[in-house]
Amino acid sequence: MDPTKGTPITIEDKPLFDSYLKKYPPEISELTFTNLFIWRKYYDFLFLEFKDHLIVYSKSFLKNKWKANEIRRNDTLYFLPPIGASPDLILIDLIQNLNHIEFHKVTEQIAENVNQNRNLGDSRIEIIEDRDNWDYVYEIKDLIELPGNKYRQNRRWLTKFLSSNNYEFSVITEDSINICKKLQLEWCVRRGCKDDEALYGEQIAINEALEHFKELNYKGGLLCVGDKCVGFTFGEMLNKDNVVIHIEKAHIEFEGSYQAINHLFLKNCYPDVKFVNREQDLGILGLKKAKESYKPHHMVEKKIIVKK
């Protein structure tokens, strides 16, 4: 593979990505065209086709997002798992033929296959646990019904919102895109997005998603109380059994608004799908606590593979 041949992702590349992802459905939340497209500028994604696999990589994937005490070479290439029939074999091929490379968001199965493969030759690898990026996966039926004692607190918040507000839930259409943009801007101003690299990057990604709502063809939900909209979310099918939620935003002064937008979106848009992937906690303690409170059915474990 020649890394100089990679090109930036554009909206016109959606049919190509969709053809690979339909044939080889992903398990990790990162591998949808929507996700790769809206974050393409933040992570400087490039892609190319190599040996019947789609390869997504970056020359500056980590930027300032790695731990401050870690040192990374300026010429390191950062890859996502190859998309195709044999991602582990392609990964090994790249390890053998390229220097200064890392593979991120690698599933446990791919990492195990690579580690056990004898074709690595003299190449040495290090496999690193990436707990901050494990995906939380829940049963949709449980998140809609919130049954039993283990969901007691979340059920209380949901009930409080539904009983205390004259609310309206609607599916996002092109006519409601500007409302979502306004809500996101309000949320961002309150959180000081411009002073936070990650939140500002997310702001840009959300705007990309809203600007290309029609082409990306995801589903979204909008929650309003009276004449004020207080939350929105959007997601899409990840594979035949899983929905993935890309974005969920709500105004916390409306108590229970996050529980409400989550409940109403799944109930109205994906009631017959078995699982929902609500992505990772990124090592943020508050986010970790919130995701754990919904009692995940399982986690999608991810690892980093570094060529030493």
C-alpha atoms as a PDB file:
ATOM      1  CA  MET A   1       0.000   0.000   0.000  1.00  0.00           C
ATOM      2  CA  ASP A   2       1.228   3.466  -0.894  1.00  0.00           C
ATOM      3  CA  PRO A   3       0.047   5.959   1.788  1.00  0.00           C
ATOM      4  CA  THR A   4       0.642   8.861  -0.607  1.00  0.00           C
ATOM      5  CA  LYS A   5      -2.246   7.616  -2.757  1.00  0.00           C
ATOM      6  CA  GLY A   6      -4.903   8.243  -0.116  1.00  0.00           C
ATOM      7  CA  THR A   7      -7.561  10.900  -0.721  1.00  0.00           C
ATOM      8  CA  PRO A   8      -9.820  12.864   1.659  1.00  0.00           C
ATOM      9  CA  ILE A   9     -13.356  11.575   2.206  1.00  0.00           C
ATOM     10  CA  THR A  10     -16.094  13.491   0.345  1.00  0.00           C
ATOM     11  CA  ILE A  11     -19.863  13.106   0.275  1.00  0.00           C
ATOM     12  CA  GLU A  12     -19.539  11.610  -3.214  1.00  0.00           C
ATOM     13  CA  ASP A  13     -17.704   8.627  -1.679  1.00  0.00           C
ATOM     14  CA  LYS A  14     -20.797   7.455   0.219  1.00  0.00           C
ATOM     15  CA  PRO A  15     -21.845   4.785  -2.341  1.00  0.00           C
ATOM     16  CA  LEU A  16     -18.373   3.217  -2.233  1.00  0.00           C
ATOM     17  CA  PHE A  17     -18.268   3.133   1.574  1.00  0.00           C
ATOM     18  CA  ASP A  18     -21.822   1.858   1.783  1.00  0.00           C
ATOM     19  CA  SER A  19     -21.045  -0.986  -0.613  1.00  0.00           C
ATOM     20  CA  TYR A  20     -18.191  -2.191   1.619  1.00  0.00           C
ATOM     21  CA  LEU A  21     -20.071  -1.670   4.891  1.00  0.00           C
ATOM     22  CA  LYS A  22     -23.165  -3.457   3.609  1.00  0.00           C
ATOM     23  CA  LYS A  23     -21.106  -6.449   2.536  1.00  0.00           C
ATOM     24  CA  TYR A  24     -18.921  -6.402   5.668  1.00  0.00           C
ATOM     25  CA  PRO A  25     -21.106  -4.970   8.468  1.00  0.00           C
ATOM     26  CA  PRO A  26     -19.056  -3.330  11.222  1.00  0.00           C
ATOM     27  CA  GLU A  27     -19.181  -4.029  14.936  1.00  0.00           C
ATOM     28  CA  ILE A  28     -17.506  -0.829  16.140  1.00  0.00           C
ATOM     29  CA  SER A  29     -19.388   2.468  16.196  1.00  0.00           C
ATOM     30  CA  GLU A  30     -16.742   4.376  14.225  1.00  0.00           C
ATOM     31  CA  LEU A  31     -17.238   2.484  10.972  1.00  0.00           C
ATOM     32  CA  THR A  32     -20.248   4.138   9.393  1.00  0.00           C
ATOM     33  CA  PHE A  33     -19.945   6.552   6.524  1.00  0.00           C
ATOM     34  CA  THR A  34     -21.822   9.199   8.524  1.00  0.00           C
ATOM     35  CA  ASN A  35     -19.329   9.023  11.369  1.00  0.00           C
ATOM     36  CA  LEU A  36     -16.255   9.000   9.133  1.00  0.00           C
ATOM     37  CA  PHE A  37     -17.583  11.850   6.995  1.00  0.00           C
ATOM     38  CA  ILE A  38     -18.608  14.244   9.752  1.00  0.00           C
ATOM     39  CA  TRP A  39     -15.328  13.742  11.661  1.00  0.00           C
ATOM     40  CA  ARG A  40     -13.111  13.688   8.548  1.00  0.00           C
ATOM     41  CA  LYS A  41     -11.670  17.177   9.087  1.00  0.00           C
ATOM     42  CA  TYR A  42     -11.038  16.757  12.801  1.00  0.00           C
ATOM     43  CA  TYR A  43      -9.102  13.520  12.298  1.00  0.00           C
ATOM     44  CA  ASP A  44      -7.741  14.324   8.815  1.00  0.00           C
ATOM     45  CA  PHE A  45      -9.028  11.028   7.428  1.00  0.00           C
ATOM     46  CA  LEU A  46      -7.709   9.677   4.131  1.00  0.00           C
ATOM     47  CA  PHE A  47      -8.804   6.497   2.387  1.00  0.00           C
ATOM     48  CA  LEU A  48      -7.948   4.179  -0.461  1.00  0.00           C
ATOM     49  CA  GLU A  49      -8.776   0.699  -1.727  1.00  0.00           C
ATOM     50  CA  PHE A  50      -6.130  -1.971  -1.217  1.00  0.00           C
ATOM     51  CA  LYS A  51      -6.448  -5.677  -2.051  1.00  0.00           C
ATOM     52  CA  ASP A  52     -10.262  -5.546  -2.074  1.00  0.00           C
ATOM     53  CA  HIS A  53     -10.345  -3.763   1.302  1.00  0.00           C
ATOM     54  CA  LEU A  54     -11.209  -0.194   2.177  1.00  0.00           C
ATOM     55  CA  ILE A  55      -8.439   1.433   4.214  1.00  0.00           C
ATOM     56  CA  VAL A  56      -9.094   4.531   6.337  1.00  0.00           C
ATOM     57  CA  TYR A  57      -6.094   6.221   7.934  1.00  0.00           C
ATOM     58  CA  SER A  58      -4.666   9.520   9.067  1.00  0.00           C
ATOM     59  CA  LYS A  59      -1.284  11.181   9.325  1.00  0.00           C
ATOM     60  CA  SER A  60      -2.364  13.258  12.341  1.00  0.00           C
ATOM     61  CA  PHE A  61      -5.142  11.196  13.939  1.00  0.00           C
ATOM     62  CA  LEU A  62      -4.145  11.852  17.541  1.00  0.00           C
ATOM     63  CA  LYS A  63      -3.194  15.533  17.271  1.00  0.00           C
ATOM     64  CA  ASN A  64      -3.253  16.671  20.904  1.00  0.00           C
ATOM     65  CA  LYS A  65      -5.670  13.966  21.975  1.00  0.00           C
ATOM     66  CA  TRP A  66      -3.099  11.494  23.310  1.00  0.00           C
ATOM     67  CA  LYS A  67      -1.836  11.616  26.879  1.00  0.00           C
ATOM     68  CA  ALA A  68       0.587  14.487  27.357  1.00  0.00           C
ATOM     69  CA  ASN A  69       3.402  12.220  28.506  1.00  0.00           C
ATOM     70  CA  GLU A  70       3.237  10.044  25.386  1.00  0.00           C
ATOM     71  CA  ILE A  71       5.525  10.837  22.481  1.00  0.00           C
ATOM     72  CA  ARG A  72       4.478  10.131  18.901  1.00  0.00           C
ATOM     73  CA  ARG A  73       6.653  10.401  15.803  1.00  0.00           C
ATOM     74  CA  ASN A  74       5.649  13.009  13.257  1.00  0.00           C
ATOM     75  CA  ASP A  75       5.654  10.380  10.483  1.00  0.00           C
ATOM     76  CA  THR A  76       3.422   7.851  12.238  1.00  0.00           C
ATOM     77  CA  LEU A  77       0.376   6.633  10.281  1.00  0.00           C
ATOM     78  CA  TYR A  78      -2.803   5.841  12.203  1.00  0.00           C
ATOM     79  CA  PHE A  79      -5.195   3.273  10.755  1.00  0.00           C
ATOM     80  CA  LEU A  80      -8.728   2.181  11.534  1.00  0.00           C
ATOM     81  CA  PRO A  81      -9.443  -1.547  11.037  1.00  0.00           C
ATOM     82  CA  PRO A  82      -9.487  -2.437   7.307  1.00  0.00           C
ATOM     83  CA  ILE A  83     -12.981  -3.008   5.912  1.00  0.00           C
ATOM     84  CA  GLY A  84     -13.231  -6.228   3.928  1.00  0.00           C
ATOM     85  CA  ALA A  85     -13.213 -10.015   4.085  1.00  0.00           C
ATOM     86  CA  SER A  86      -9.905 -10.457   5.961  1.00  0.00           C
ATOM     87  CA  PRO A  87      -9.044  -7.329   7.975  1.00  0.00           C
ATOM     88  CA  ASP A  88      -6.531  -9.232  10.129  1.00  0.00           C
ATOM     89  CA  LEU A  89      -4.523 -10.383   7.089  1.00  0.00           C
ATOM     90  CA  ILE A  90      -4.508  -6.898   5.579  1.00  0.00           C
ATOM     91  CA  LEU A  91      -3.432  -5.497   8.928  1.00  0.00           C
ATOM     92  CA  ILE A  92      -0.519  -7.960   9.015  1.00  0.00           C
ATOM     93  CA  ASP A  93       0.395  -7.032   5.432  1.00  0.00           C
ATOM     94  CA  LEU A  94       0.595  -3.366   6.431  1.00  0.00           C
ATOM     95  CA  ILE A  95       2.642  -4.182   9.531  1.00  0.00           C
ATOM     96  CA  GLN A  96       5.149  -6.071   7.401  1.00  0.00           C
ATOM     97  CA  ASN A  97       5.489  -3.398   4.740  1.00  0.00           C
ATOM     98  CA  LEU A  98       5.116  -0.048   6.505  1.00  0.00           C
ATOM     99  CA  ASN A  99       7.050   1.520   9.368  1.00  0.00           C
ATOM    100  CA  HIS A 100       5.817   3.733  12.204  1.00  0.00           C
ATOM    101  CA  ILE A 101       2.182   2.635  12.115  1.00  0.00           C
ATOM    102  CA  GLU A 102      -0.588   2.155  14.660  1.00  0.00           C
ATOM    103  CA  PHE A 103      -4.034   0.597  14.351  1.00  0.00           C
ATOM    104  CA  HIS A 104      -6.813   2.065  16.485  1.00  0.00           C
ATOM    105  CA  LYS A 105     -10.333   0.837  17.386  1.00  0.00           C
ATOM    106  CA  VAL A 106      -9.306  -2.757  16.644  1.00  0.00           C
ATOM    107  CA  THR A 107     -11.803  -5.372  17.849  1.00  0.00           C
ATOM    108  CA  GLU A 108     -10.706  -8.064  20.238  1.00  0.00           C
ATOM    109  CA  GLN A 109     -11.142 -10.780  17.603  1.00  0.00           C
ATOM    110  CA  ILE A 110      -8.985  -9.035  15.006  1.00  0.00           C
ATOM    111  CA  ALA A 111      -6.304  -8.307  17.610  1.00  0.00           C
ATOM    112  CA  GLU A 112      -6.283 -11.954  18.693  1.00  0.00           C
ATOM    113  CA  ASN A 113      -6.010 -13.181  15.088  1.00  0.00           C
ATOM    114  CA  VAL A 114      -3.091 -10.840  14.429  1.00  0.00           C
ATOM    115  CA  ASN A 115      -1.331 -11.800  17.647  1.00  0.00           C
ATOM    116  CA  GLN A 116      -1.574 -15.522  16.865  1.00  0.00           C
ATOM    117  CA  ASN A 117      -0.569 -15.236  13.218  1.00  0.00           C
ATOM    118  CA  ARG A 118       2.886 -16.634  12.490  1.00  0.00           C
ATOM    119  CA  ASN A 119       3.307 -14.571   9.332  1.00  0.00           C
ATOM    120  CA  LEU A 120       4.415 -11.487  11.235  1.00  0.00           C
ATOM    121  CA  GLY A 121       7.997 -12.592  10.678  1.00  0.00           C
ATOM    122  CA  ASP A 122      10.448 -10.279  12.400  1.00  0.00           C
ATOM    123  CA  SER A 123       7.819  -7.598  12.957  1.00  0.00           C
ATOM    124  CA  ARG A 124       7.095  -6.999  16.629  1.00  0.00           C
ATOM    125  CA  ILE A 125       3.831  -5.583  17.832  1.00  0.00           C
ATOM    126  CA  GLU A 126       2.382  -4.270  21.071  1.00  0.00           C
ATOM    127  CA  ILE A 127      -1.333  -4.662  21.787  1.00  0.00           C
ATOM    128  CA  ILE A 128      -2.730  -1.992  24.121  1.00  0.00           C
ATOM    129  CA  GLU A 129      -6.105  -2.049  25.855  1.00  0.00           C
ATOM    130  CA  ASP A 130      -8.214   0.958  24.821  1.00  0.00           C
ATOM    131  CA  ARG A 131     -10.908   0.951  27.520  1.00  0.00           C
ATOM    132  CA  ASP A 132     -11.845   4.603  26.983  1.00  0.00           C
ATOM    133  CA  ASN A 133     -13.106   3.699  23.506  1.00  0.00           C
ATOM    134  CA  TRP A 134     -15.085   0.546  24.277  1.00  0.00           C
ATOM    135  CA  ASP A 135     -18.638   0.813  22.931  1.00  0.00           C
ATOM    136  CA  TYR A 136     -21.608   0.460  25.280  1.00  0.00           C
ATOM    137  CA  VAL A 137     -24.332  -1.784  23.801  1.00  0.00           C
ATOM    138  CA  TYR A 138     -27.830  -2.043  25.273  1.00  0.00           C
ATOM    139  CA  GLU A 139     -31.021  -3.944  24.550  1.00  0.00           C
ATOM    140  CA  ILE A 140     -33.425  -1.460  22.989  1.00  0.00           C
ATOM    141  CA  LYS A 141     -36.426  -3.068  24.666  1.00  0.00           C
ATOM    142  CA  ASP A 142     -34.855  -2.355  28.063  1.00  0.00           C
ATOM    143  CA  LEU A 143     -34.100   1.278  27.224  1.00  0.00           C
ATOM    144  CA  ILE A 144     -37.671   1.822  26.054  1.00  0.00           C
ATOM    145  CA  GLU A 145     -39.374   0.099  28.996  1.00  0.00           C
ATOM    146  CA  LEU A 146     -36.766   0.735  31.757  1.00  0.00           C
ATOM    147  CA  PRO A 147     -38.069  -2.274  33.698  1.00  0.00           C
ATOM    148  CA  GLY A 148     -37.316  -3.321  37.258  1.00  0.00           C
ATOM    149  CA  ASN A 149     -35.312  -1.921  40.113  1.00  0.00           C
ATOM    150  CA  LYS A 150     -32.023  -1.506  38.218  1.00  0.00           C
ATOM    151  CA  TYR A 151     -33.534   1.227  36.033  1.00  0.00           C
ATOM    152  CA  ARG A 152     -35.342   2.932  38.906  1.00  0.00           C
ATOM    153  CA  GLN A 153     -33.436   6.237  38.815  1.00  0.00           C
ATOM    154  CA  ASN A 154     -33.535   6.643  35.032  1.00  0.00           C
ATOM    155  CA  ARG A 155     -37.241   5.753  35.061  1.00  0.00           C
ATOM    156  CA  ARG A 156     -37.845   8.466  37.669  1.00  0.00           C
ATOM    157  CA  TRP A 157     -36.120  11.092  35.531  1.00  0.00           C
ATOM    158  CA  LEU A 158     -38.066  10.020  32.447  1.00  0.00           C
ATOM    159  CA  THR A 159     -41.395  10.029  34.290  1.00  0.00           C
ATOM    160  CA  LYS A 160     -40.654  13.453  35.732  1.00  0.00           C
ATOM    161  CA  PHE A 161     -40.006  14.935  32.289  1.00  0.00           C
ATOM    162  CA  LEU A 162     -43.008  13.306  30.628  1.00  0.00           C
ATOM    163  CA  SER A 163     -45.405  14.281  33.421  1.00  0.00           C
ATOM    164  CA  SER A 164     -44.101  17.814  34.009  1.00  0.00           C
ATOM    165  CA  ASN A 165     -43.872  19.135  30.449  1.00  0.00           C
ATOM    166  CA  ASN A 166     -46.176  19.754  27.537  1.00  0.00           C
ATOM    167  CA  TYR A 167     -43.706  18.103  25.167  1.00  0.00           C
ATOM    168  CA  GLU A 168     -43.734  17.115  21.520  1.00  0.00           C
ATOM    169  CA  PHE A 169     -41.433  14.590  19.866  1.00  0.00           C
ATOM    170  CA  SER A 170     -40.972  14.623  16.096  1.00  0.00           C
ATOM    171  CA  VAL A 171     -38.753  12.879  13.588  1.00  0.00           C
ATOM    172  CA  ILE A 172     -36.182  15.253  12.089  1.00  0.00           C
ATOM    173  CA  THR A 173     -36.881  16.380   8.531  1.00  0.00           C
ATOM    174  CA  GLU A 174     -35.201  18.934   6.295  1.00  0.00           C
ATOM    175  CA  ASP A 175     -37.656  21.504   7.679  1.00  0.00           C
ATOM    176  CA  SER A 176     -36.332  21.045  11.230  1.00  0.00           C
ATOM    177  CA  ILE A 177     -32.596  21.162  10.477  1.00  0.00           C
ATOM    178  CA  ASN A 178     -32.301  24.859  11.339  1.00  0.00           C
ATOM    179  CA  ILE A 179     -34.030  24.222  14.683  1.00  0.00           C
ATOM    180  CA  CYS A 180     -31.403  21.564  15.476  1.00  0.00           C
ATOM    181  CA  LYS A 181     -28.615  23.959  14.498  1.00  0.00           C
ATOM    182  CA  LYS A 182     -30.014  26.612  16.831  1.00  0.00           C
ATOM    183  CA  LEU A 183     -30.329  24.131  19.696  1.00  0.00           C
ATOM    184  CA  GLN A 184     -26.768  22.888  19.163  1.00  0.00           C
ATOM    185  CA  LEU A 185     -25.414  26.450  19.115  1.00  0.00           C
ATOM    186  CA  GLU A 186     -27.215  27.211  22.386  1.00  0.00           C
ATOM    187  CA  TRP A 187     -25.798  24.043  23.939  1.00  0.00           C
ATOM    188  CA  CYS A 188     -22.312  24.873  22.691  1.00  0.00           C
ATOM    189  CA  VAL A 189     -22.337  28.449  24.004  1.00  0.00           C
ATOM    190  CA  ARG A 190     -23.349  27.226  27.463  1.00  0.00           C
ATOM    191  CA  ARG A 191     -20.590  24.604  27.487  1.00  0.00           C
ATOM    192  CA  GLY A 192     -17.884  26.937  26.170  1.00  0.00           C
ATOM    193  CA  CYS A 193     -17.164  24.882  23.059  1.00  0.00           C
ATOM    194  CA  LYS A 194     -14.711  27.355  21.575  1.00  0.00           C
ATOM    195  CA  ASP A 195     -12.430  26.901  24.578  1.00  0.00           C
ATOM    196  CA  ASP A 196     -12.514  23.094  24.359  1.00  0.00           C
ATOM    197  CA  GLU A 197     -10.845  21.407  21.388  1.00  0.00           C
ATOM    198  CA  ALA A 198     -12.955  18.259  21.574  1.00  0.00           C
ATOM    199  CA  LEU A 199     -16.296  20.059  21.986  1.00  0.00           C
ATOM    200  CA  TYR A 200     -15.450  22.499  19.203  1.00  0.00           C
ATOM    201  CA  GLY A 201     -14.547  19.575  16.953  1.00  0.00           C
ATOM    202  CA  GLU A 202     -17.860  17.957  17.830  1.00  0.00           C
ATOM    203  CA  GLN A 203     -19.678  21.203  17.011  1.00  0.00           C
ATOM    204  CA  ILE A 204     -18.149  21.152  13.516  1.00  0.00           C
ATOM    205  CA  ALA A 205     -19.017  17.456  13.101  1.00  0.00           C
ATOM    206  CA  ILE A 206     -22.653  18.033  14.104  1.00  0.00           C
ATOM    207  CA  ASN A 207     -22.964  20.921  11.670  1.00  0.00           C
ATOM    208  CA  GLU A 208     -21.554  18.686   8.920  1.00  0.00           C
ATOM    209  CA  ALA A 209     -24.177  16.064   9.742  1.00  0.00           C
ATOM    210  CA  LEU A 210     -27.003  18.610   9.697  1.00  0.00           C
ATOM    211  CA  GLU A 211     -25.781  20.290   6.500  1.00  0.00           C
ATOM    212  CA  HIS A 212     -25.755  16.892   4.738  1.00  0.00           C
ATOM    213  CA  PHE A 213     -28.877  15.455   6.357  1.00  0.00           C
ATOM    214  CA  LYS A 214     -30.475  14.408   3.069  1.00  0.00           C
ATOM    215  CA  GLU A 215     -27.365  12.783   1.566  1.00  0.00           C
ATOM    216  CA  LEU A 216     -26.316  10.955   4.743  1.00  0.00           C
ATOM    217  CA  ASN A 217     -29.816   9.531   5.209  1.00  0.00           C
ATOM    218  CA  TYR A 218     -29.683   8.917   8.964  1.00  0.00           C
ATOM    219  CA  LYS A 219     -32.684   9.173  11.319  1.00  0.00           C
ATOM    220  CA  GLY A 220     -33.070  11.869  13.928  1.00  0.00           C
ATOM    221  CA  GLY A 221     -35.433  12.923  16.677  1.00  0.00           C
ATOM    222  CA  LEU A 222     -36.340  16.393  17.983  1.00  0.00           C
ATOM    223  CA  LEU A 223     -37.853  17.103  21.422  1.00  0.00           C
ATOM    224  CA  CYS A 224     -39.664  20.374  22.132  1.00  0.00           C
ATOM    225  CA  VAL A 225     -41.452  21.812  25.151  1.00  0.00           C
ATOM    226  CA  GLY A 226     -43.961  24.466  24.143  1.00  0.00           C
ATOM    227  CA  ASP A 227     -42.229  26.737  21.649  1.00  0.00           C
ATOM    228  CA  LYS A 228     -38.708  25.795  22.829  1.00  0.00           C
ATOM    229  CA  CYS A 229     -36.806  22.789  21.505  1.00  0.00           C
ATOM    230  CA  VAL A 230     -34.792  21.148  24.258  1.00  0.00           C
ATOM    231  CA  GLY A 231     -33.118  18.107  22.716  1.00  0.00           C
ATOM    232  CA  PHE A 232     -32.203  16.292  19.531  1.00  0.00           C
ATOM    233  CA  THR A 233     -30.469  13.076  18.557  1.00  0.00           C
ATOM    234  CA  PHE A 234     -29.583  11.078  15.474  1.00  0.00           C
ATOM    235  CA  GLY A 235     -28.366   7.625  14.566  1.00  0.00           C
ATOM    236  CA  GLU A 236     -28.522   4.868  11.967  1.00  0.00           C
ATOM    237  CA  MET A 237     -28.243   1.128  11.511  1.00  0.00           C
ATOM    238  CA  LEU A 238     -24.735  -0.148  12.227  1.00  0.00           C
ATOM    239  CA  ASN A 239     -25.509  -3.740  11.248  1.00  0.00           C
ATOM    240  CA  LYS A 240     -28.652  -5.867  11.077  1.00  0.00           C
ATOM    241  CA  ASP A 241     -28.972  -6.123  14.886  1.00  0.00           C
ATOM    242  CA  ASN A 242     -27.571  -2.769  16.047  1.00  0.00           C
ATOM    243  CA  VAL A 243     -28.468   0.897  15.836  1.00  0.00           C
ATOM    244  CA  VAL A 244     -25.683   3.336  16.608  1.00  0.00           C
ATOM    245  CA  ILE A 245     -26.406   6.710  18.225  1.00  0.00           C
ATOM    246  CA  HIS A 246     -24.009   9.316  16.866  1.00  0.00           C
ATOM    247  CA  ILE A 247     -25.214  12.438  18.666  1.00  0.00           C
ATOM    248  CA  GLU A 248     -27.526  13.201  21.588  1.00  0.00           C
ATOM    249  CA  LYS A 249     -27.907  16.714  22.997  1.00  0.00           C
ATOM    250  CA  ALA A 250     -30.376  18.176  25.488  1.00  0.00           C
ATOM    251  CA  HIS A 251     -30.770  21.155  27.813  1.00  0.00           C
ATOM    252  CA  ILE A 252     -30.215  19.861  31.328  1.00  0.00           C
ATOM    253  CA  GLU A 253     -32.363  22.563  32.952  1.00  0.00           C
ATOM    254  CA  PHE A 254     -35.282  20.491  31.656  1.00  0.00           C
ATOM    255  CA  GLU A 255     -34.817  17.646  34.110  1.00  0.00           C
ATOM    256  CA  GLY A 256     -35.033  14.243  32.475  1.00  0.00           C
ATOM    257  CA  SER A 257     -34.581  15.643  28.961  1.00  0.00           C
ATOM    258  CA  TYR A 258     -31.730  13.245  28.132  1.00  0.00           C
ATOM    259  CA  GLN A 259     -33.746  10.256  29.336  1.00  0.00           C
ATOM    260  CA  ALA A 260     -36.733  11.502  27.331  1.00  0.00           C
ATOM    261  CA  ILE A 261     -34.969  12.035  23.991  1.00  0.00           C
ATOM    262  CA  ASN A 262     -33.282   8.627  24.300  1.00  0.00           C
ATOM    263  CA  HIS A 263     -36.572   6.876  25.165  1.00  0.00           C
ATOM    264  CA  LEU A 264     -38.723   8.603  22.538  1.00  0.00           C
ATOM    265  CA  PHE A 265     -36.226   8.245  19.698  1.00  0.00           C
ATOM    266  CA  LEU A 266     -35.786   4.499  20.164  1.00  0.00           C
ATOM    267  CA  LYS A 267     -39.508   3.952  20.766  1.00  0.00           C
ATOM    268  CA  ASN A 268     -40.560   5.841  17.637  1.00  0.00           C
ATOM    269  CA  CYS A 269     -37.735   5.050  15.225  1.00  0.00           C
ATOM    270  CA  TYR A 270     -36.184   1.680  16.153  1.00  0.00           C
ATOM    271  CA  PRO A 271     -38.631  -0.319  18.333  1.00  0.00           C
ATOM    272  CA  ASP A 272     -38.009  -3.595  16.459  1.00  0.00           C
ATOM    273  CA  VAL A 273     -34.179  -3.571  16.508  1.00  0.00           C
ATOM    274  CA  LYS A 274     -32.502  -5.690  19.190  1.00  0.00           C
ATOM    275  CA  PHE A 275     -29.529  -3.560  20.276  1.00  0.00           C
ATOM    276  CA  VAL A 276     -28.378   0.046  20.387  1.00  0.00           C
ATOM    277  CA  ASN A 277     -24.691   1.018  20.414  1.00  0.00           C
ATOM    278  CA  ARG A 278     -24.296   4.267  22.337  1.00  0.00           C
ATOM    279  CA  GLU A 279     -20.593   4.641  21.574  1.00  0.00           C
ATOM    280  CA  GLN A 280     -17.808   5.206  24.126  1.00  0.00           C
ATOM    281  CA  ASP A 281     -17.243   7.197  27.312  1.00  0.00           C
ATOM    282  CA  LEU A 282     -13.803   8.553  26.242  1.00  0.00           C
ATOM    283  CA  GLY A 283     -12.584   8.174  29.820  1.00  0.00           C
ATOM    284  CA  ILE A 284     -14.833  11.039  30.993  1.00  0.00           C
ATOM    285  CA  LEU A 285     -16.070  10.053  34.455  1.00  0.00           C
ATOM    286  CA  GLY A 286     -19.470  11.754  34.200  1.00  0.00           C
ATOM    287  CA  LEU A 287     -20.147  10.196  30.815  1.00  0.00           C
ATOM    288  CA  LYS A 288     -18.969   6.817  32.081  1.00  0.00           C
ATOM    289  CA  LYS A 289     -21.340   7.028  35.045  1.00  0.00           C
ATOM    290  CA  ALA A 290     -24.270   7.985  32.802  1.00  0.00           C
ATOM    291  CA  LYS A 291     -23.633   5.158  30.337  1.00  0.00           C
ATOM    292  CA  GLU A 292     -23.181   2.596  33.095  1.00  0.00           C
ATOM    293  CA  SER A 293     -26.452   3.678  34.718  1.00  0.00           C
ATOM    294  CA  TYR A 294     -28.319   2.211  31.739  1.00  0.00           C
ATOM    295  CA  LYS A 295     -26.796  -1.233  32.437  1.00  0.00           C
ATOM    296  CA  PRO A 296     -25.146  -2.251  29.130  1.00  0.00           C
ATOM    297  CA  HIS A 297     -25.914  -5.691  27.770  1.00  0.00           C
ATOM    298  CA  HIS A 298     -22.287  -5.962  26.639  1.00  0.00           C
ATOM    299  CA  MET A 299     -19.280  -3.903  25.611  1.00  0.00           C
ATOM    300  CA  VAL A 300     -17.499  -3.886  22.271  1.00  0.00           C
ATOM    301  CA  GLU A 301     -13.873  -4.049  23.348  1.00  0.00           C
ATOM    302  CA  LYS A 302     -11.244  -2.225  21.307  1.00  0.00           C
ATOM    303  CA  LYS A 303      -7.483  -2.289  21.264  1.00  0.00           C
ATOM    304  CA  ILE A 304      -4.554  -0.401  19.774  1.00  0.00           C
ATOM    305  CA  ILE A 305      -1.910  -2.324  17.837  1.00  0.00           C
ATOM    306  CA  VAL A 306       1.470  -0.627  17.541  1.00  0.00           C
ATOM    307  CA  LYS A 307       4.337  -1.828  15.352  1.00  0.00           C
ATOM    308  CA  LYS A 308       7.419  -1.622  17.542  1.00  0.00           C
END
